[in-house]
Amino acid sequence: MPSAYVIADVHVTDPEQYKGYMALTPAAVAAAGGEFVVRGGRNQTLEGPWTPRRMVVIRFPSYEAAQAFYHSPLYTEARAARAGATEFFNMFVVEGV
C-alpha cells in the first residue's frame, strides 16, 4: 500500500498563538499513524518563482490515513487554535510510492 504525505507551506504572523497549534498537532498526527518528516527548518528555492515560508511534511501509512488525520477531532481542535495566527496556510495531500 502506498504511503501519503501531507505538505504545508505556512506564513506564521503570530508566533505566540501558533505555539498552541504546534502543541496540539503532534497528537493528531500520531493518532492517524503519521510522523513528521519536515517541521520548519531551512529551505531554498532551487527552480521556479515559489518562495515557501515554513514548510511541513508529514508521512502517513496511506492516503486514507492522511485524510483521517485532517478530518479528526484532534486536528479540528488544532486548526481552531491556529485561526488568525497565519497570513496563509496552504496544505495538500499527495500519494507516495
Protein backbone atom coordinates (compact mmCIF):
# COMPACT_ATOMS: atom_id res chain seq x y z
CA MET A 1 0.00 0.00 0.00
CA PRO A 2 1.48 3.40 -0.93
CA SER A 3 2.18 5.96 1.75
CA ALA A 4 0.92 9.54 1.61
CA TYR A 5 2.37 12.91 2.51
CA VAL A 6 0.65 15.99 3.86
CA ILE A 7 2.64 19.05 2.82
CA ALA A 8 2.07 22.57 4.13
CA ASP A 9 3.56 25.96 3.34
CA VAL A 10 2.80 28.36 6.16
CA HIS A 11 3.42 32.05 6.84
CA VAL A 12 3.15 32.48 10.60
CA THR A 13 2.26 36.02 11.68
CA ASP A 14 1.52 35.39 15.38
CA PRO A 15 4.20 33.05 16.73
CA GLU A 16 2.79 33.02 20.27
CA GLN A 17 -0.65 31.90 19.12
CA TYR A 18 0.89 29.43 16.68
CA LYS A 19 2.62 27.67 19.60
CA GLY A 20 -0.81 26.41 20.68
CA TYR A 21 -1.32 24.81 17.27
CA MET A 22 2.17 23.30 17.38
CA ALA A 23 1.44 21.80 20.79
CA LEU A 24 -1.80 20.14 19.65
CA THR A 25 -0.77 18.84 16.23
CA PRO A 26 1.65 16.01 17.21
CA ALA A 27 -1.10 14.04 18.98
CA ALA A 28 -3.37 14.34 15.93
CA VAL A 29 -0.56 13.19 13.63
CA ALA A 30 0.36 10.24 15.85
CA ALA A 31 -3.28 9.15 16.26
CA ALA A 32 -3.51 8.73 12.47
CA GLY A 33 -0.23 6.82 12.27
CA GLY A 34 1.73 9.77 10.88
CA GLU A 35 5.18 11.12 11.54
CA PHE A 36 6.78 14.47 10.89
CA VAL A 37 9.45 14.38 8.18
CA VAL A 38 9.96 18.16 7.99
CA ARG A 39 8.78 20.69 10.56
CA GLY A 40 10.25 24.08 9.77
CA GLY A 41 13.96 24.23 9.05
CA ARG A 42 15.94 25.83 6.28
CA ASN A 43 14.64 25.78 2.74
CA GLN A 44 15.77 27.25 -0.55
CA THR A 45 14.00 27.54 -3.88
CA LEU A 46 16.08 25.75 -6.50
CA GLU A 47 13.83 26.42 -9.52
CA GLY A 48 10.75 28.49 -10.23
CA PRO A 49 9.13 31.50 -8.59
CA TRP A 50 7.77 29.74 -5.48
CA THR A 51 9.18 31.14 -2.23
CA PRO A 52 7.92 28.89 0.56
CA ARG A 53 7.89 30.08 4.16
CA ARG A 54 7.63 27.49 6.94
CA MET A 55 7.45 24.04 5.34
CA VAL A 56 5.94 20.96 6.97
CA VAL A 57 5.90 17.42 5.59
CA ILE A 58 4.10 14.60 7.40
CA ARG A 59 4.23 10.97 6.22
CA PHE A 60 1.20 8.71 6.73
CA PRO A 61 0.82 4.99 6.04
CA SER A 62 -1.90 5.64 3.45
CA TYR A 63 -3.84 8.36 1.65
CA GLU A 64 -6.88 7.45 3.74
CA ALA A 65 -4.89 7.86 6.99
CA ALA A 66 -3.80 11.33 5.88
CA GLN A 67 -7.39 12.30 5.19
CA ALA A 68 -8.47 10.83 8.53
CA PHE A 69 -5.83 12.97 10.26
CA TYR A 70 -7.11 16.15 8.61
CA HIS A 71 -10.75 15.49 9.49
CA SER A 72 -10.13 14.13 13.00
CA PRO A 73 -11.49 15.88 16.09
CA LEU A 74 -7.92 16.29 17.38
CA TYR A 75 -6.79 18.15 14.27
CA THR A 76 -10.01 20.14 14.11
CA GLU A 77 -9.13 21.43 17.59
CA ALA A 78 -5.57 22.26 16.44
CA ARG A 79 -6.88 24.15 13.40
CA ALA A 80 -9.16 26.19 15.66
CA ALA A 81 -6.19 27.09 17.87
CA ARG A 82 -4.30 28.24 14.76
CA ALA A 83 -7.07 30.52 13.44
CA GLY A 84 -5.72 34.03 12.93
CA ALA A 85 -2.06 33.10 13.60
CA THR A 86 -1.05 32.86 9.93
CA GLU A 87 -1.19 35.02 6.82
CA PHE A 88 -1.62 31.83 4.82
CA PHE A 89 -1.67 28.09 5.47
CA ASN A 90 -1.54 26.05 2.26
CA MET A 91 -1.85 22.30 2.79
CA PHE A 92 -2.32 19.35 0.46
CA VAL A 93 -2.05 15.59 0.48
CA VAL A 94 -0.22 13.56 -2.14
CA GLU A 95 0.03 9.81 -2.53
CA GLY A 96 3.60 8.48 -2.36
CA VAL A 97 5.30 5.41 -3.74
